[in-house]
Amino acid sequence: MRKTHPALHNYDKSTIQAKVVQETLILVRRQSGDQACICLYNFSDAMATYTVDEKYHTWQKNLDSCGQQWQNPEENSLLSGSTLPDEISIGNELTVHSWSMVMYSSKH
């Protein structure tokens, strides 16, 4: 994904922003031209919420560590896959699972 996504392929540190949303929820935003991505990292045993306030109108989910493809079938996991929507926009509230991350890309 790093090689094909423009925002991840750009190594200019001035295009990367990070902010603490909550004590254990970190938002990282990367940009390259008009392409951007946001990643939310929840470093907690509890779920965390984030209200989308990014400038682009619509965001498309690229990666969610709670997705079925990342689940270990040998474990008796309480997670049954991702509960986050595939598309989000300004004002949507996201609930990020404990010890997980999600990445969304701008959609024009």
Protein backbone atom coordinates (compact mmCIF):
# COMPACT_ATOMS: atom_id res chain seq x y z
CA MET A 1 0.00 0.00 0.00
CA ARG A 2 2.88 2.35 0.77
CA LYS A 3 4.17 2.11 -2.80
CA THR A 4 0.82 2.74 -4.49
CA HIS A 5 -0.94 5.28 -2.23
CA PRO A 6 0.30 8.82 -3.01
CA ALA A 7 -0.04 10.08 0.57
CA LEU A 8 1.93 7.13 1.94
CA HIS A 9 4.53 7.29 -0.80
CA ASN A 10 5.35 10.93 0.02
CA TYR A 11 8.23 11.06 2.51
CA ASP A 12 8.13 14.85 3.05
CA LYS A 13 7.71 15.23 6.82
CA SER A 14 5.96 18.59 6.37
CA THR A 15 2.95 16.71 4.93
CA ILE A 16 2.52 14.53 8.03
CA GLN A 17 0.48 15.67 11.02
CA ALA A 18 -0.18 13.76 14.22
CA LYS A 19 -2.46 14.70 17.07
CA VAL A 20 -3.69 13.15 20.27
CA VAL A 21 -7.47 12.88 19.96
CA GLN A 22 -7.91 11.23 23.36
CA GLU A 23 -5.37 9.99 25.86
CA THR A 24 -5.00 6.70 23.97
CA LEU A 25 -6.30 7.62 20.49
CA ILE A 26 -3.84 9.06 17.97
CA LEU A 27 -4.74 10.54 14.56
CA VAL A 28 -2.05 10.64 11.86
CA ARG A 29 -2.80 12.57 8.66
CA ARG A 30 -0.62 12.33 5.55
CA GLN A 31 -1.00 14.24 2.30
CA SER A 32 0.43 14.34 -1.21
CA GLY A 33 -1.14 16.92 -3.50
CA ASP A 34 -4.91 16.43 -3.33
CA GLN A 35 -4.60 12.87 -1.98
CA ALA A 36 -4.74 12.38 1.78
CA CYS A 37 -5.16 9.62 4.30
CA ILE A 38 -5.98 9.52 7.98
CA CYS A 39 -5.04 6.73 10.36
CA LEU A 40 -6.54 6.29 13.81
CA TYR A 41 -4.62 4.22 16.36
CA ASN A 42 -6.30 3.11 19.57
CA PHE A 43 -3.72 2.11 22.20
CA SER A 44 -6.21 1.12 24.88
CA ASP A 45 -8.20 -1.79 26.27
CA ALA A 46 -11.34 0.32 25.77
CA MET A 47 -13.08 1.50 22.62
CA ALA A 48 -12.47 5.11 21.61
CA THR A 49 -14.58 7.54 19.59
CA TYR A 50 -13.58 10.12 17.00
CA THR A 51 -15.79 12.61 15.18
CA VAL A 52 -14.60 13.18 11.62
CA ASP A 53 -13.57 16.80 11.14
CA GLU A 54 -11.33 16.48 8.10
CA LYS A 55 -11.78 18.89 5.18
CA TYR A 56 -12.52 16.37 2.43
CA HIS A 57 -16.17 15.53 1.96
CA THR A 58 -15.86 11.75 1.77
CA TRP A 59 -13.28 9.21 2.97
CA GLN A 60 -12.96 5.58 1.84
CA LYS A 61 -11.76 2.85 4.23
CA ASN A 62 -8.52 1.18 3.08
CA LEU A 63 -7.49 -0.86 6.08
CA ASP A 64 -9.06 -1.91 9.36
CA SER A 65 -7.14 -4.17 11.72
CA CYS A 66 -10.48 -5.54 12.98
CA GLY A 67 -11.40 -6.77 9.51
CA GLN A 68 -12.09 -10.47 9.06
CA GLN A 69 -8.89 -10.96 7.03
CA TRP A 70 -6.84 -10.05 10.13
CA GLN A 71 -8.69 -12.33 12.58
CA ASN A 72 -7.02 -15.49 13.82
CA PRO A 73 -9.47 -18.39 13.35
CA GLU A 74 -7.68 -20.27 16.17
CA GLU A 75 -8.62 -17.59 18.72
CA ASN A 76 -12.02 -17.20 20.30
CA SER A 77 -12.18 -13.49 19.50
CA LEU A 78 -14.98 -11.28 20.72
CA LEU A 79 -14.58 -9.24 17.54
CA SER A 80 -16.62 -10.45 14.61
CA GLY A 81 -14.92 -8.16 12.12
CA SER A 82 -15.00 -4.47 11.52
CA THR A 83 -17.93 -2.37 12.62
CA LEU A 84 -16.61 0.81 10.96
CA PRO A 85 -18.30 2.06 7.78
CA ASP A 86 -16.60 1.79 4.38
CA GLU A 87 -17.22 5.51 3.72
CA ILE A 88 -17.25 8.40 6.15
CA SER A 89 -17.68 12.16 5.95
CA ILE A 90 -17.50 15.22 8.16
CA GLY A 91 -19.54 14.79 11.33
CA ASN A 92 -19.56 10.97 11.36
CA GLU A 93 -18.65 9.47 14.71
CA LEU A 94 -16.34 6.46 14.60
CA THR A 95 -15.92 3.94 17.39
CA VAL A 96 -12.46 2.41 17.13
CA HIS A 97 -11.99 -1.01 18.75
CA SER A 98 -9.40 -1.48 21.47
CA TRP A 99 -5.84 -2.10 20.31
CA SER A 100 -6.66 -1.48 16.67
CA MET A 101 -6.09 0.90 13.79
CA VAL A 102 -8.04 2.06 10.78
CA MET A 103 -7.00 3.97 7.67
CA TYR A 104 -9.23 6.07 5.42
CA SER A 105 -8.26 7.85 2.18
CA SER A 106 -9.77 10.98 0.70
CA LYS A 107 -12.29 10.32 -2.04
CA HIS A 108 -12.93 13.00 -4.62
